[in-house]
Amino acid sequence: MTLPKDPVILLSFVNTKLRDFNSSLDDFCKENNLNEDEIKQKLEMIDYHYDEYKNKFV
C-alpha cells in the first residue's frame, strides 16, 4: 500500500482506515505491511499523536 506523502492527507487517510476497518494502529500496519513508527513520526510533524483508547490520531 502506498500512503499519501502529505501529512494532512495522511492523517485523514489513516484515521478513516482506523475508524472503518482496523481495531488498532498495529493491526492496520500489519495488515498493510507498513512501518508504524514512520507513520507516527510523519504525523508528529503536524502535532498529531496516536491515542490507543480512541483508536485515532488526535
Protein backbone atom coordinates (compact mmCIF):
# COMPACT_ATOMS: atom_id res chain seq x y z
CA MET A 1 0.00 0.00 0.00
CA THR A 2 1.27 3.46 -0.86
CA LEU A 3 0.48 6.11 1.71
CA PRO A 4 -0.15 9.77 0.95
CA LYS A 5 3.00 11.88 1.31
CA ASP A 6 1.25 15.00 2.58
CA PRO A 7 0.90 14.70 6.39
CA VAL A 8 -2.59 16.24 6.49
CA ILE A 9 -3.89 13.87 3.84
CA LEU A 10 -2.10 11.00 5.58
CA LEU A 11 -3.88 11.93 8.81
CA SER A 12 -7.28 11.78 7.16
CA PHE A 13 -6.45 8.56 5.34
CA VAL A 14 -5.13 6.70 8.39
CA ASN A 15 -7.91 7.87 10.72
CA THR A 16 -10.51 6.78 8.18
CA LYS A 17 -8.93 3.33 7.87
CA LEU A 18 -8.70 3.02 11.65
CA ARG A 19 -12.31 4.04 12.11
CA ASP A 20 -13.75 1.85 9.35
CA PHE A 21 -11.51 -1.20 9.13
CA ASN A 22 -8.94 -1.67 11.90
CA SER A 23 -9.09 -2.09 15.65
CA SER A 24 -5.64 -0.57 16.23
CA LEU A 25 -2.74 1.15 14.51
CA ASP A 26 -0.71 -2.01 14.95
CA ASP A 27 -3.41 -4.02 13.19
CA PHE A 28 -3.57 -1.51 10.33
CA CYS A 29 0.21 -1.55 9.86
CA LYS A 30 0.49 -5.34 9.97
CA GLU A 31 -2.38 -5.80 7.56
CA ASN A 32 -0.82 -3.38 5.06
CA ASN A 33 2.85 -4.17 5.69
CA LEU A 34 3.60 -0.63 6.92
CA ASN A 35 6.04 0.77 9.43
CA GLU A 36 4.12 2.10 12.44
CA ASP A 37 6.97 4.33 13.61
CA GLU A 38 7.23 6.06 10.23
CA ILE A 39 3.54 6.92 10.31
CA LYS A 40 3.78 8.21 13.87
CA GLN A 41 6.84 10.34 13.05
CA LYS A 42 5.23 11.87 9.99
CA LEU A 43 2.07 12.78 11.90
CA GLU A 44 4.02 14.11 14.86
CA MET A 45 5.39 16.70 12.43
CA ILE A 46 1.91 18.24 12.39
CA ASP A 47 1.42 17.67 16.12
CA TYR A 48 -0.82 14.59 15.96
CA HIS A 49 -0.27 11.56 18.17
CA TYR A 50 -1.92 8.18 18.24
CA ASP A 51 -4.47 7.70 21.01
CA GLU A 52 -4.94 3.96 21.63
CA TYR A 53 -8.15 4.47 23.58
CA LYS A 54 -9.80 6.44 20.75
CA ASN A 55 -8.00 4.45 18.04
CA LYS A 56 -7.13 7.56 16.06
CA PHE A 57 -4.60 10.31 15.74
CA VAL A 58 -5.57 13.37 17.74
